[in-house]
Amino acid sequence: MTHHSINGSRPITSKIAEVPLRLICALLFLLAIPYLAHAQLISNPNPPVPAGLAVGGAYTAVAVGAEAPYWNPAGLAYSKGSQGRFAYHQPWSLTFLQHVAASGSFTLGHKAGGVAVAFQTLGTREGAHTMASENEMMLSHGIMLQEDLHSSLAFGYTFKLIGYKLGESVTGLNGLSEDLGSATTFGLDVGATAQLWDRFRLGGSLKNINHPQMGDGLKRDLPRIISGGLSYFPYYGVRTSFDVERILTGETQFKGGLNANVVKPLDLRLGVVTNPNSFTAGFGIHWRELVIDYAFIYHPVLSPSHQIGIGFDLDKSLPEIWKAK
């Protein structure tokens, strides 16, 4: 997590006057998003980003780099260099559920923003048998639309290939098992992020805006989600964030979190979330290029979840690394 101090001695009123009108309109739009309709998949599990879950899931305005495809693809426009992430999760400590994800991102030259590829799978397994599996492949792009000394505005989109596969039936009287089938569909997410000075960042995302469905005959709608968030740096090394998220066919969730860089290379994280009311906690270690993240997610009824992630942050993009060779 990086943060730069605010410089300059001019009064705030003169700075506000310099903010472009289109940026102000964009900020108002982002604030309105939650009141109009995150890893996605079919069952909509927790996103495979422990750094985001540890702050209660208040990450729409925060996610950048390899974490952006799961939350807000516009965050790719604020990325630097190359990133990679891998996460493992057993939702609610259920041994038959396994959630695995991997993603990578890098910046493009000539102000073309950043791109990312990501994959996640959620499987229901018993021993060596897979009873059902959900898979999702993502390709994301984020680009800066406007940028000046005090403000910026970015837009991003994600194309998703979503698959669902059932296992085989039990062996029948004829001694043969039967493949229970599979289905595939496409999804589209869009997002926007706006930054004002170094302290404020607003983000909004709309997931599955193309209304994807699965199944033959009786089709099932995949979750369509609208979220909006705000992040604020009250002090150097301290970030607060707040999100509002709504599933079109469900309830609204309010999320809040705190990320504090207590001492290099350690970040401590806390978060709260409603519907159901719960809390989260975790930490992050950033040592040279290595990144390790952990999230603890409490649930008032189910067992707690633990999510662990490991990754890397490189200063250079992949094209720069390739040219250096």
Protein backbone atom coordinates (compact mmCIF):
# COMPACT_ATOMS: atom_id res chain seq x y z
CA MET A 1 0.00 0.00 0.00
CA THR A 2 1.40 3.35 -1.00
CA HIS A 3 0.34 6.83 -0.16
CA HIS A 4 1.77 10.21 -0.97
CA SER A 5 1.47 13.31 1.12
CA ILE A 6 -0.51 16.26 -0.15
CA ASN A 7 1.69 19.13 -1.19
CA GLY A 8 0.96 22.73 -2.08
CA SER A 9 -0.05 25.77 -0.11
CA ARG A 10 -2.97 27.03 -2.18
CA PRO A 11 -6.37 27.14 -0.44
CA ILE A 12 -8.76 24.23 -0.87
CA THR A 13 -11.32 26.39 -2.69
CA SER A 14 -8.85 27.11 -5.50
CA LYS A 15 -8.09 23.40 -5.84
CA ILE A 16 -11.78 22.49 -6.06
CA ALA A 17 -12.21 24.99 -8.85
CA GLU A 18 -9.64 23.07 -10.89
CA VAL A 19 -11.54 19.76 -10.72
CA PRO A 20 -13.04 19.06 -14.18
CA LEU A 21 -16.81 19.09 -14.43
CA ARG A 22 -16.83 15.65 -16.04
CA LEU A 23 -14.98 14.24 -13.03
CA ILE A 24 -17.55 15.73 -10.65
CA CYS A 25 -20.32 14.12 -12.72
CA ALA A 26 -18.47 10.81 -12.61
CA LEU A 27 -18.13 11.01 -8.83
CA LEU A 28 -21.89 11.59 -8.49
CA PHE A 29 -22.53 8.61 -10.77
CA LEU A 30 -20.27 6.35 -8.71
CA LEU A 31 -22.02 7.39 -5.51
CA ALA A 32 -25.40 6.56 -7.07
CA ILE A 33 -24.40 3.10 -8.36
CA PRO A 34 -25.27 1.12 -5.21
CA TYR A 35 -28.82 2.44 -5.23
CA LEU A 36 -29.52 1.48 -8.89
CA ALA A 37 -28.52 -3.29 -9.07
CA HIS A 38 -18.18 -10.29 -6.33
CA ALA A 39 -15.78 -13.23 -7.39
CA GLN A 40 -18.75 -14.36 -9.23
CA LEU A 41 -19.21 -17.97 -10.26
CA ILE A 42 -22.75 -19.34 -9.92
CA SER A 43 -23.04 -19.62 -6.15
CA ASN A 44 -21.31 -16.23 -5.63
CA PRO A 45 -18.71 -17.24 -3.00
CA ASN A 46 -16.41 -14.80 -1.25
CA PRO A 47 -14.00 -13.23 -3.75
CA PRO A 48 -10.60 -14.98 -3.69
CA VAL A 49 -8.73 -11.88 -2.47
CA PRO A 50 -7.73 -12.15 1.22
CA ALA A 51 -6.53 -8.54 1.28
CA GLY A 52 -10.07 -7.47 0.38
CA LEU A 53 -11.94 -9.92 2.61
CA ALA A 54 -9.87 -8.92 5.64
CA VAL A 55 -11.31 -5.38 5.42
CA GLY A 56 -14.88 -6.65 5.28
CA GLY A 57 -15.04 -6.77 1.50
CA ALA A 58 -14.90 -2.96 1.25
CA TYR A 59 -12.58 -3.13 -1.73
CA THR A 60 -14.40 -1.76 -4.79
CA ALA A 61 -12.44 1.51 -4.72
CA VAL A 62 -9.21 -0.16 -3.56
CA ALA A 63 -8.51 -3.17 -5.80
CA VAL A 64 -5.71 -2.76 -8.35
CA GLY A 65 -3.52 -5.08 -10.37
CA ALA A 66 -4.11 -8.82 -10.17
CA GLU A 67 -6.88 -8.30 -7.59
CA ALA A 68 -8.94 -5.96 -9.80
CA PRO A 69 -10.76 -8.56 -12.01
CA TYR A 70 -12.63 -9.94 -8.97
CA TRP A 71 -13.78 -6.53 -7.71
CA ASN A 72 -13.49 -3.63 -10.16
CA PRO A 73 -11.57 -3.88 -13.46
CA ALA A 74 -11.08 -0.10 -13.57
CA GLY A 75 -8.42 -0.57 -10.88
CA LEU A 76 -6.11 -1.95 -13.57
CA ALA A 77 -5.61 1.59 -14.82
CA TYR A 78 -3.94 2.45 -11.49
CA SER A 79 -1.61 -0.56 -11.57
CA LYS A 80 2.17 -0.36 -11.78
CA GLY A 81 4.42 -3.04 -13.23
CA SER A 82 3.37 -6.70 -13.00
CA GLN A 83 1.51 -8.62 -10.31
CA GLY A 84 0.54 -12.22 -9.63
CA ARG A 85 -1.76 -13.71 -7.01
CA PHE A 86 -2.77 -17.21 -5.86
CA ALA A 87 -5.42 -17.86 -3.19
CA TYR A 88 -6.83 -20.92 -1.44
CA HIS A 89 -10.02 -21.03 0.59
CA GLN A 90 -12.33 -23.59 2.21
CA PRO A 91 -15.61 -21.65 2.56
CA TRP A 92 -16.82 -21.80 6.17
CA SER A 93 -14.23 -24.51 6.89
CA LEU A 94 -16.29 -27.09 4.99
CA THR A 95 -13.85 -29.80 3.96
CA PHE A 96 -15.88 -30.82 0.90
CA LEU A 97 -15.65 -27.28 -0.58
CA GLN A 98 -12.44 -25.98 -2.15
CA HIS A 99 -12.07 -22.54 -3.69
CA VAL A 100 -8.85 -21.91 -5.64
CA ALA A 101 -7.92 -18.86 -7.71
CA ALA A 102 -4.97 -17.45 -9.63
CA SER A 103 -4.54 -14.16 -11.46
CA GLY A 104 -1.89 -12.04 -13.10
CA SER A 105 -1.70 -8.49 -14.43
CA PHE A 106 0.69 -6.10 -16.14
CA THR A 107 0.60 -2.57 -17.47
CA LEU A 108 0.62 -1.67 -21.14
CA GLY A 109 2.65 1.07 -22.75
CA HIS A 110 1.48 4.25 -24.49
CA LYS A 111 -1.20 5.03 -21.89
CA ALA A 112 -3.10 1.85 -22.80
CA GLY A 113 -3.84 0.99 -19.17
CA GLY A 114 -3.44 -2.49 -17.72
CA VAL A 115 -4.67 -5.99 -18.49
CA ALA A 116 -5.24 -9.05 -16.34
CA VAL A 117 -6.16 -12.69 -16.71
CA ALA A 118 -7.72 -14.63 -13.85
CA PHE A 119 -9.13 -18.05 -13.09
CA GLN A 120 -11.06 -19.47 -10.17
CA THR A 121 -12.72 -22.77 -9.41
CA LEU A 122 -15.09 -23.87 -6.66
CA GLY A 123 -15.47 -27.63 -6.30
CA THR A 124 -17.65 -29.90 -4.21
CA ARG A 125 -15.57 -32.99 -3.59
CA GLU A 126 -15.74 -36.11 -1.47
CA GLY A 127 -12.52 -38.06 -1.48
CA ALA A 128 -11.43 -38.55 -5.09
CA HIS A 129 -14.90 -37.82 -6.45
CA THR A 130 -16.00 -34.38 -7.72
CA MET A 131 -19.75 -33.99 -7.37
CA ALA A 132 -19.91 -30.49 -8.89
CA SER A 133 -17.49 -27.82 -10.01
CA GLU A 134 -17.80 -24.17 -11.01
CA ASN A 135 -15.09 -22.57 -13.12
CA GLU A 136 -14.54 -19.03 -14.32
CA MET A 137 -11.94 -17.57 -16.66
CA MET A 138 -11.60 -13.79 -16.90
CA LEU A 139 -9.92 -11.28 -19.18
CA SER A 140 -9.91 -7.71 -17.87
CA HIS A 141 -8.75 -4.33 -19.14
CA GLY A 142 -8.68 -0.97 -17.38
CA ILE A 143 -7.76 2.35 -18.96
CA MET A 144 -7.40 5.92 -17.75
CA LEU A 145 -9.98 8.25 -19.33
CA GLN A 146 -8.81 11.48 -17.72
CA GLU A 147 -5.89 12.45 -15.51
CA ASP A 148 -4.47 15.73 -14.24
CA LEU A 149 -2.55 16.98 -11.23
CA HIS A 150 -5.42 16.58 -8.74
CA SER A 151 -7.83 14.02 -10.20
CA SER A 152 -8.24 11.02 -12.47
CA LEU A 153 -10.99 8.87 -13.91
CA ALA A 154 -10.66 5.27 -15.15
CA PHE A 155 -12.94 2.70 -16.77
CA GLY A 156 -12.61 -1.07 -16.97
CA TYR A 157 -14.37 -4.18 -18.22
CA THR A 158 -14.10 -7.94 -17.75
CA PHE A 159 -15.12 -10.73 -20.11
CA LYS A 160 -15.92 -13.97 -18.29
CA LEU A 161 -16.33 -17.57 -19.42
CA ILE A 162 -18.33 -19.35 -16.71
CA GLY A 163 -18.77 -23.10 -16.60
CA TYR A 164 -20.66 -25.50 -14.36
CA LYS A 165 -20.20 -29.27 -14.41
CA LEU A 166 -21.89 -32.01 -12.45
CA GLY A 167 -20.14 -35.27 -11.69
CA GLU A 168 -21.32 -38.74 -12.54
CA SER A 169 -24.30 -40.51 -11.06
CA VAL A 170 -23.93 -43.52 -8.80
CA THR A 171 -23.54 -46.85 -10.51
CA GLY A 172 -26.88 -48.29 -11.59
CA LEU A 173 -28.13 -51.85 -11.95
CA ASN A 174 -26.33 -52.13 -15.29
CA GLY A 175 -23.03 -51.32 -13.60
CA LEU A 176 -22.61 -48.04 -15.49
CA SER A 177 -22.61 -44.47 -14.24
CA GLU A 178 -24.04 -41.52 -16.15
CA ASP A 179 -22.54 -38.10 -16.83
CA LEU A 180 -24.97 -35.59 -15.33
CA GLY A 181 -23.99 -32.83 -17.75
CA SER A 182 -22.43 -29.38 -17.89
CA ALA A 183 -23.21 -25.85 -19.04
CA THR A 184 -21.28 -22.75 -20.12
CA THR A 185 -22.15 -19.09 -20.47
CA PHE A 186 -20.54 -15.68 -20.87
CA GLY A 187 -20.60 -12.75 -18.45
CA LEU A 188 -19.62 -9.10 -18.68
CA ASP A 189 -18.58 -6.80 -15.82
CA VAL A 190 -17.86 -3.08 -16.02
CA GLY A 191 -16.42 -0.67 -13.49
CA ALA A 192 -15.23 2.88 -12.96
CA THR A 193 -12.83 4.47 -10.50
CA ALA A 194 -12.19 8.13 -9.76
CA GLN A 195 -9.45 9.61 -7.62
CA LEU A 196 -9.41 13.10 -6.09
CA TRP A 197 -6.04 14.29 -4.86
CA ASP A 198 -4.14 11.57 -2.98
CA ARG A 199 -6.67 10.96 -0.22
CA PHE A 200 -9.98 10.01 -1.87
CA ARG A 201 -10.88 7.28 -4.31
CA LEU A 202 -14.36 6.27 -5.44
CA GLY A 203 -15.22 3.07 -7.28
CA GLY A 204 -18.28 1.38 -8.71
CA SER A 205 -18.86 -1.90 -10.53
CA LEU A 206 -21.73 -3.74 -12.19
CA LYS A 207 -21.36 -7.49 -12.54
CA ASN A 208 -23.06 -9.69 -15.13
CA ILE A 209 -24.72 -6.73 -16.81
CA ASN A 210 -25.50 -8.91 -19.85
CA HIS A 211 -27.88 -11.02 -17.70
CA PRO A 212 -26.22 -14.44 -18.27
CA GLN A 213 -28.24 -17.59 -17.71
CA MET A 214 -27.53 -21.31 -17.44
CA GLY A 215 -29.57 -24.41 -18.10
CA ASP A 216 -31.94 -25.85 -20.67
CA GLY A 217 -35.64 -25.28 -20.30
CA LEU A 218 -35.74 -23.87 -16.78
CA LYS A 219 -32.87 -21.39 -16.91
CA ARG A 220 -31.10 -20.01 -13.88
CA ASP A 221 -30.00 -16.38 -13.69
CA LEU A 222 -26.44 -15.78 -12.54
CA PRO A 223 -26.11 -13.20 -9.75
CA ARG A 224 -26.16 -9.60 -10.96
CA ILE A 225 -24.46 -7.32 -8.48
CA ILE A 226 -24.01 -3.58 -8.15
CA SER A 227 -21.44 -2.21 -5.73
CA GLY A 228 -20.01 1.18 -4.94
CA GLY A 229 -17.22 2.14 -2.59
CA LEU A 230 -15.09 4.90 -1.13
CA SER A 231 -11.55 4.76 0.23
CA TYR A 232 -9.92 7.51 2.27
CA PHE A 233 -6.42 8.00 3.67
CA PRO A 234 -6.78 9.98 6.92
CA TYR A 235 -3.08 9.53 7.75
CA TYR A 236 0.02 8.23 6.06
CA GLY A 237 -0.06 4.42 6.09
CA VAL A 238 -3.74 4.23 7.13
CA ARG A 239 -6.58 3.50 4.70
CA THR A 240 -10.27 3.34 5.51
CA SER A 241 -12.84 2.00 3.07
CA PHE A 242 -16.61 1.67 2.83
CA ASP A 243 -18.76 -0.28 0.34
CA VAL A 244 -22.44 -0.71 -0.43
CA GLU A 245 -23.31 -3.84 -2.41
CA ARG A 246 -26.63 -5.16 -3.65
CA ILE A 247 -27.63 -8.33 -5.47
CA LEU A 248 -30.61 -7.48 -7.69
CA THR A 249 -32.62 -10.38 -6.29
CA GLY A 250 -31.31 -10.07 -2.74
CA GLU A 251 -30.51 -7.72 0.09
CA THR A 252 -28.13 -4.81 0.45
CA GLN A 253 -24.87 -5.24 2.32
CA PHE A 254 -22.86 -2.50 4.00
CA LYS A 255 -19.15 -3.09 4.44
CA GLY A 256 -16.38 -1.17 6.15
CA GLY A 257 -12.72 -1.77 6.79
CA LEU A 258 -9.39 -0.44 8.01
CA ASN A 259 -5.90 -1.21 6.66
CA ALA A 260 -2.96 0.04 8.74
CA ASN A 261 0.70 -0.26 7.82
CA VAL A 262 1.88 -0.60 11.44
CA VAL A 263 5.50 -1.33 10.54
CA LYS A 264 7.18 -2.29 7.32
CA PRO A 265 6.51 -4.82 5.87
CA LEU A 266 3.36 -5.62 7.94
CA ASP A 267 -0.23 -4.45 7.34
CA LEU A 268 -3.01 -5.20 9.85
CA ARG A 269 -6.63 -5.30 8.68
CA LEU A 270 -10.08 -5.23 10.26
CA GLY A 271 -13.55 -5.17 8.75
CA VAL A 272 -17.29 -5.42 9.40
CA VAL A 273 -20.16 -6.45 7.15
CA THR A 274 -23.97 -6.65 7.42
CA ASN A 275 -26.49 -9.27 6.20
CA PRO A 276 -25.35 -11.32 8.03
CA ASN A 277 -23.64 -9.21 10.67
CA SER A 278 -20.06 -10.40 10.97
CA PHE A 279 -16.50 -9.22 11.23
CA THR A 280 -13.24 -9.96 9.47
CA ALA A 281 -9.55 -9.58 10.23
CA GLY A 282 -6.22 -10.37 8.66
CA PHE A 283 -2.76 -9.22 7.76
CA GLY A 284 -0.49 -8.67 4.79
CA ILE A 285 3.26 -9.01 4.47
CA HIS A 286 5.06 -7.18 1.66
CA TRP A 287 8.73 -8.17 1.62
CA ARG A 288 10.61 -7.12 -1.51
CA GLU A 289 8.63 -8.64 -4.39
CA LEU A 290 6.85 -11.23 -2.20
CA VAL A 291 3.27 -10.70 -0.98
CA ILE A 292 1.53 -12.89 1.62
CA ASP A 293 -2.08 -12.19 2.68
CA TYR A 294 -4.37 -13.86 5.21
CA ALA A 295 -8.05 -13.25 5.99
CA PHE A 296 -10.27 -14.54 8.79
CA ILE A 297 -14.01 -14.33 8.07
CA TYR A 298 -16.39 -14.84 10.98
CA HIS A 299 -19.98 -16.05 10.48
CA PRO A 300 -22.70 -15.93 13.17
CA VAL A 301 -23.98 -19.42 12.26
CA LEU A 302 -21.39 -21.27 10.19
CA SER A 303 -17.79 -21.98 11.09
CA PRO A 304 -15.25 -19.23 10.36
CA SER A 305 -13.40 -19.13 7.04
CA HIS A 306 -9.67 -18.78 6.53
CA GLN A 307 -8.25 -17.58 3.23
CA ILE A 308 -4.56 -17.49 2.42
CA GLY A 309 -2.92 -15.85 -0.57
CA ILE A 310 0.58 -15.54 -1.95
CA GLY A 311 1.86 -13.47 -4.84
CA PHE A 312 4.41 -11.04 -6.19
CA ASP A 313 4.67 -7.37 -7.16
CA LEU A 314 7.25 -6.34 -9.77
CA ASP A 315 8.14 -2.77 -10.69
CA LYS A 316 8.42 -3.59 -14.40
CA SER A 317 5.68 -4.72 -16.74
CA LEU A 318 5.99 -7.93 -18.74
CA PRO A 319 6.81 -6.08 -22.00
CA GLU A 320 9.62 -4.22 -20.17
CA ILE A 321 10.95 -7.47 -18.71
CA TRP A 322 10.86 -9.08 -22.15
CA LYS A 323 12.72 -6.19 -23.77
CA ALA A 324 15.38 -6.30 -21.05
CA LYS A 325 16.23 -9.83 -22.11
